[in-house]
N, C-alpha and C. Protein backbone atom coordinates (compact mmCIF):
# COMPACT_ATOMS: atom_id res chain seq x y z
N MET A 1 0.49 -1.15 0.07
CA MET A 1 0.00 0.44 -0.07
C MET A 1 0.59 1.11 -0.39
N GLY A 2 2.06 1.13 0.12
CA GLY A 2 2.94 2.76 0.14
C GLY A 2 2.85 2.78 -1.54
N ASN A 3 2.91 2.74 -2.39
CA ASN A 3 2.49 3.15 -3.79
C ASN A 3 1.26 3.96 -3.55
N ARG A 4 0.83 3.94 -2.99
CA ARG A 4 -0.85 4.07 -3.61
C ARG A 4 -0.78 5.12 -4.37
N GLY A 5 -1.78 5.54 -5.30
CA GLY A 5 -2.01 6.65 -5.97
C GLY A 5 -0.92 7.17 -6.95
N MET A 6 0.39 6.78 -6.95
CA MET A 6 1.41 6.93 -7.68
C MET A 6 1.35 6.36 -8.68
N ASN A 7 2.35 6.91 -9.73
CA ASN A 7 2.10 6.29 -11.64
C ASN A 7 3.53 6.10 -11.15
N SER A 8 4.04 4.42 -10.88
CA SER A 8 5.46 4.14 -12.30
C SER A 8 5.27 4.04 -13.60
N GLN A 9 5.17 4.61 -13.84
CA GLN A 9 5.72 4.44 -15.55
C GLN A 9 6.93 4.76 -16.19
N THR A 10 7.25 3.83 -16.83
CA THR A 10 8.60 3.75 -17.87
C THR A 10 8.29 4.60 -18.96
N GLN A 11 9.56 5.85 -19.80
CA GLN A 11 9.19 6.12 -21.10
C GLN A 11 10.72 5.28 -21.67
N LEU A 12 9.47 5.86 -22.56
CA LEU A 12 10.56 4.55 -23.85
C LEU A 12 10.74 5.51 -24.81
N GLN A 13 12.30 5.96 -25.82
CA GLN A 13 12.85 6.63 -26.19
C GLN A 13 13.17 5.71 -27.69
N PRO A 14 12.03 5.44 -28.15
CA PRO A 14 12.55 4.69 -29.62
C PRO A 14 14.10 5.43 -30.55
N ALA A 15 14.52 4.76 -31.43
CA ALA A 15 15.66 4.91 -31.82
C ALA A 15 15.32 4.75 -32.98
N TYR A 16 16.07 6.09 -33.92
CA TYR A 16 15.36 6.35 -35.41
C TYR A 16 16.30 6.09 -35.96
N THR A 17 16.69 5.72 -37.08
CA THR A 17 17.49 5.67 -38.31
C THR A 17 16.77 6.22 -39.78
N LEU A 18 17.70 6.75 -40.74
CA LEU A 18 17.53 6.88 -41.75
C LEU A 18 17.59 5.72 -42.59
N GLY A 19 16.89 5.31 -43.80
CA GLY A 19 16.96 3.94 -44.48
C GLY A 19 18.22 4.57 -45.65
N PHE A 20 18.08 5.64 -46.08
CA PHE A 20 19.19 6.34 -46.96
C PHE A 20 19.53 7.64 -46.48
N THR A 21 20.78 8.14 -46.40
CA THR A 21 21.72 9.11 -46.86
C THR A 21 20.81 10.67 -48.07
N PRO A 22 20.48 11.52 -46.79
CA PRO A 22 20.17 12.84 -47.52
C PRO A 22 21.02 13.58 -48.13
N ALA A 23 20.37 13.74 -49.77
CA ALA A 23 21.71 14.23 -50.27
C ALA A 23 21.97 15.90 -49.63
N PRO A 24 23.31 16.71 -50.00
CA PRO A 24 23.79 18.19 -49.28
C PRO A 24 22.48 18.84 -50.27
N THR A 25 22.18 19.93 -49.28
CA THR A 25 21.26 21.28 -49.83
C THR A 25 22.26 22.29 -50.09
N ASP A 26 22.12 22.06 -52.07
CA ASP A 26 22.80 22.69 -52.61
C ASP A 26 22.18 24.78 -52.06
N TYR A 27 23.19 25.11 -52.14
CA TYR A 27 22.67 26.38 -51.23
C TYR A 27 22.72 27.48 -52.24
N GLN A 28 23.27 27.12 -53.66
CA GLN A 28 23.00 28.83 -54.24
C GLN A 28 21.76 27.93 -55.41
N ILE A 29 21.73 26.61 -54.75
CA ILE A 29 19.74 26.75 -55.70
C ILE A 29 18.97 27.75 -55.27
N VAL A 30 18.71 27.06 -53.69
CA VAL A 30 18.02 27.40 -52.51
C VAL A 30 18.11 29.74 -52.41
N THR A 31 19.20 30.07 -52.81
CA THR A 31 19.21 31.13 -53.16
C THR A 31 19.02 32.36 -54.10
N THR A 32 19.25 31.37 -55.18
CA THR A 32 18.29 31.61 -56.44
C THR A 32 17.15 31.86 -56.48
N ALA A 33 16.32 30.32 -56.43
CA ALA A 33 14.98 30.13 -55.78
C ALA A 33 14.15 31.30 -55.36
N LEU A 34 14.86 31.49 -54.01
CA LEU A 34 14.17 32.46 -53.53
C LEU A 34 14.28 34.19 -53.58
N SER A 35 15.58 34.24 -54.12
CA SER A 35 15.39 36.29 -54.62
C SER A 35 15.12 35.97 -55.54
N THR A 36 14.59 34.92 -57.16
CA THR A 36 13.70 34.84 -58.14
C THR A 36 12.48 35.16 -57.44
N ARG A 37 11.44 34.76 -56.30
CA ARG A 37 10.65 34.64 -56.21
C ARG A 37 10.48 35.50 -55.28
N ILE A 38 10.88 36.16 -54.21
CA ILE A 38 10.66 37.84 -53.46
C ILE A 38 10.80 38.87 -55.02
N ASN A 39 11.86 39.18 -56.00
CA ASN A 39 11.97 40.32 -56.23
C ASN A 39 10.58 39.98 -57.36
N ARG A 40 9.62 38.42 -57.77
CA ARG A 40 8.51 38.58 -58.88
C ARG A 40 7.45 39.19 -57.91
N VAL A 41 7.57 39.04 -56.58
CA VAL A 41 4.93 39.17 -56.29
C VAL A 41 5.62 40.50 -56.11
N ASN A 42 4.78 41.43 -56.74
CA ASN A 42 3.99 42.90 -57.39
C ASN A 42 3.92 43.03 -56.12
N ASN A 43 3.65 42.38 -54.24
CA ASN A 43 2.73 42.62 -53.45
C ASN A 43 3.89 43.71 -52.79
N ILE A 44 4.93 43.15 -53.05
CA ILE A 44 6.08 44.20 -51.99
C ILE A 44 6.62 45.32 -52.64
N GLY A 45 5.83 46.21 -51.52
CA GLY A 45 6.42 47.70 -52.29
C GLY A 45 8.15 47.62 -51.89
N ARG A 46 8.84 47.31 -53.19
CA ARG A 46 9.75 47.09 -52.92
C ARG A 46 10.69 48.80 -53.59
N LEU A 47 12.07 48.63 -52.84
CA LEU A 47 12.66 50.49 -53.74
C LEU A 47 13.49 49.54 -54.59
N GLY A 48 13.56 48.69 -54.92
CA GLY A 48 14.40 48.62 -55.41
C GLY A 48 15.74 46.49 -54.89
N ASP A 49 15.94 45.70 -55.45
CA ASP A 49 15.90 44.24 -55.04
C ASP A 49 15.63 44.05 -54.16
N ILE A 50 15.51 43.01 -54.17
CA ILE A 50 15.62 42.32 -52.48
C ILE A 50 16.70 41.98 -52.85
N GLN A 51 18.28 41.98 -51.94
CA GLN A 51 19.27 40.93 -51.63
C GLN A 51 19.50 39.67 -50.66
N VAL A 52 18.98 38.54 -51.48
CA VAL A 52 19.12 36.74 -50.35
C VAL A 52 20.48 36.28 -50.84
N ASN A 53 21.55 36.54 -49.41
CA ASN A 53 22.56 35.49 -49.52
C ASN A 53 21.80 33.92 -48.26
N MET A 54 22.95 33.19 -48.43
CA MET A 54 22.68 32.40 -47.12
C MET A 54 24.30 32.07 -47.11
N ALA A 55 23.99 31.35 -45.84
CA ALA A 55 25.39 30.69 -45.59
C ALA A 55 24.25 29.14 -44.18
N GLU A 56 24.67 28.08 -44.75
CA GLU A 56 23.87 26.42 -43.56
C GLU A 56 22.83 26.72 -43.46
N GLY A 57 22.00 27.15 -44.32
CA GLY A 57 20.26 27.08 -44.19
C GLY A 57 20.14 28.73 -44.00
N VAL A 58 21.03 30.03 -43.33
CA VAL A 58 20.22 30.57 -42.74
C VAL A 58 19.69 31.33 -44.11
N ALA A 59 19.42 31.86 -43.86
CA ALA A 59 19.30 33.32 -45.48
C ALA A 59 18.87 35.03 -44.72
N VAL A 60 19.91 35.54 -45.71
CA VAL A 60 20.35 37.22 -45.08
C VAL A 60 18.97 38.04 -46.36
N LEU A 61 18.74 38.76 -45.82
CA LEU A 61 17.52 39.55 -46.74
C LEU A 61 18.26 40.95 -46.33
N ARG A 62 18.60 41.82 -47.57
CA ARG A 62 19.55 42.87 -47.22
C ARG A 62 18.39 43.42 -48.32
N GLY A 63 17.51 44.74 -48.77
CA GLY A 63 17.22 46.27 -49.27
C GLY A 63 16.21 46.37 -48.72
N ASP A 64 15.56 47.46 -49.19
CA ASP A 64 15.30 48.88 -48.52
C ASP A 64 13.58 48.57 -49.31
N VAL A 65 12.09 48.19 -48.18
CA VAL A 65 10.45 48.45 -48.74
C VAL A 65 10.29 49.38 -48.24
N LYS A 66 8.63 49.60 -48.91
CA LYS A 66 7.92 50.45 -48.50
C LYS A 66 7.71 50.42 -46.98
N THR A 67 7.05 49.39 -46.70
CA THR A 67 6.69 49.18 -45.74
C THR A 67 6.65 47.76 -44.43
N GLU A 68 6.33 48.33 -43.45
CA GLU A 68 6.70 46.94 -41.99
C GLU A 68 6.20 46.10 -43.13
N HIS A 69 4.81 45.39 -43.45
CA HIS A 69 4.11 44.41 -44.10
C HIS A 69 5.20 44.17 -45.41
N ASP A 70 5.84 44.86 -46.16
CA ASP A 70 6.44 44.50 -47.16
C ASP A 70 7.80 43.27 -46.43
N ARG A 71 8.31 44.11 -45.38
CA ARG A 71 8.68 43.65 -45.11
C ARG A 71 8.66 41.96 -44.09
N LYS A 72 7.93 42.21 -43.70
CA LYS A 72 7.30 40.64 -43.05
C LYS A 72 6.75 39.54 -44.14
N VAL A 73 6.25 40.50 -45.24
CA VAL A 73 5.90 39.73 -46.26
C VAL A 73 7.89 38.37 -46.53
N ALA A 74 8.26 39.50 -47.25
CA ALA A 74 9.62 38.81 -47.61
C ALA A 74 10.31 37.82 -46.78
N GLU A 75 10.04 38.58 -45.20
CA GLU A 75 10.40 37.48 -44.65
C GLU A 75 10.11 35.90 -44.36
N ASN A 76 8.43 36.40 -44.59
CA ASN A 76 7.94 34.78 -43.95
C ASN A 76 7.90 33.90 -45.76
N MET A 77 7.95 34.74 -46.70
CA MET A 77 8.85 34.09 -47.63
C MET A 77 9.52 32.85 -47.32
N ALA A 78 10.59 33.96 -47.01
CA ALA A 78 12.02 33.00 -47.17
C ALA A 78 11.69 31.74 -46.03
N ARG A 79 11.10 31.99 -44.59
CA ARG A 79 10.72 30.91 -43.83
C ARG A 79 10.81 30.00 -44.82
N LEU A 80 9.76 30.04 -45.69
CA LEU A 80 9.63 29.00 -45.92
C LEU A 80 9.30 28.20 -47.65
N GLN A 81 10.72 28.86 -47.42
CA GLN A 81 11.58 28.08 -48.24
C GLN A 81 11.99 27.38 -48.39
N PRO A 82 11.94 25.86 -48.85
CA PRO A 82 12.61 24.74 -48.48
C PRO A 82 14.58 25.14 -48.80
N GLY A 83 15.16 24.85 -47.33
CA GLY A 83 16.83 24.38 -47.58
C GLY A 83 16.92 26.07 -46.50
N VAL A 84 15.20 26.01 -46.10
CA VAL A 84 16.04 27.94 -45.13
C VAL A 84 15.37 27.47 -43.57
N LYS A 85 16.85 27.41 -42.83
CA LYS A 85 16.40 26.81 -41.52
C LYS A 85 16.14 28.18 -40.32
N SER A 86 16.94 29.20 -41.25
CA SER A 86 16.59 29.99 -39.91
C SER A 86 15.97 31.72 -40.98
N VAL A 87 16.04 32.95 -40.73
CA VAL A 87 16.15 33.98 -41.51
C VAL A 87 16.98 34.87 -40.93
N ARG A 88 18.08 36.12 -41.41
CA ARG A 88 18.05 37.27 -40.46
C ARG A 88 17.88 38.41 -41.76
N SER A 89 17.02 39.24 -41.25
CA SER A 89 16.41 40.10 -42.27
C SER A 89 17.11 41.17 -41.42
N GLU A 90 18.12 42.00 -42.81
CA GLU A 90 18.34 43.52 -42.32
C GLU A 90 18.00 44.68 -43.75
N ILE A 91 16.57 43.94 -44.31
CA ILE A 91 15.49 44.82 -45.07
C ILE A 91 15.48 46.22 -43.96
N ASN A 92 15.27 47.35 -44.32
CA ASN A 92 15.50 48.26 -44.43
C ASN A 92 13.63 48.68 -44.82
N VAL A 93 13.01 50.03 -43.88
CA VAL A 93 11.58 50.63 -44.60
C VAL A 93 11.70 51.31 -44.40
N SER A 94 11.82 51.83 -45.63
CA SER A 94 11.93 53.53 -46.40
C SER A 94 10.28 54.00 -46.74
N ALA A 95 10.21 54.95 -46.52
CA ALA A 95 8.93 55.04 -47.13
C ALA A 95 9.06 56.12 -48.69
N ALA A 96 8.80 55.69 -49.70
CA ALA A 96 9.31 56.67 -50.91
C ALA A 96 9.37 57.88 -50.81
N ARG A 97 10.22 58.73 -50.94
CA ARG A 97 9.89 60.02 -51.17
C ARG A 97 9.34 60.65 -52.56
N THR A 98 8.34 61.58 -51.97
CA THR A 98 7.51 61.95 -53.04
C THR A 98 8.21 63.14 -52.93
N VAL A 99 8.48 63.85 -54.50
CA VAL A 99 8.75 65.29 -55.49
C VAL A 99 8.22 66.17 -55.27
N GLN A 100 8.12 66.76 -54.13
CA GLN A 100 6.48 68.28 -53.99
C GLN A 100 7.14 68.88 -54.88
N THR A 101 5.91 69.85 -55.95
CA THR A 101 6.61 71.24 -56.82
C THR A 101 5.12 71.88 -56.39
N GLU A 102 5.62 73.26 -56.58
CA GLU A 102 4.69 73.87 -56.48
C GLU A 102 4.26 74.86 -57.16
C-alpha cells in the first residue's frame, strides 16, 4: 500500500535511423530560387531588389521596402523556402520619397 496513487511509468525513447543518406543542400540553388520568388512578387513595395545570401541554411535578406508589412512578407516567404533553416532580416523600411512641386 505504500505506492498507492503513485504512477510508476517507464518512458520509452525509440531510436530512429534513416534508410537512406539525404543529399546535401545546394545553397546556391536555394539562394537563386528565393531571390527570384521574392523579387517577382508584385505586392511587396520594394524600393529596389531584395538581396538574398545563404550561409549554412540561414537566409540573410537585405534591401529597402516601403512598409513594415512588405518586410514581413519577404521574411515569411524566406521562412517557407525549402532549405532555409532560419532568416536574418536586414531589410530597411523607408517610405518612398515624393517630390512636391509648388
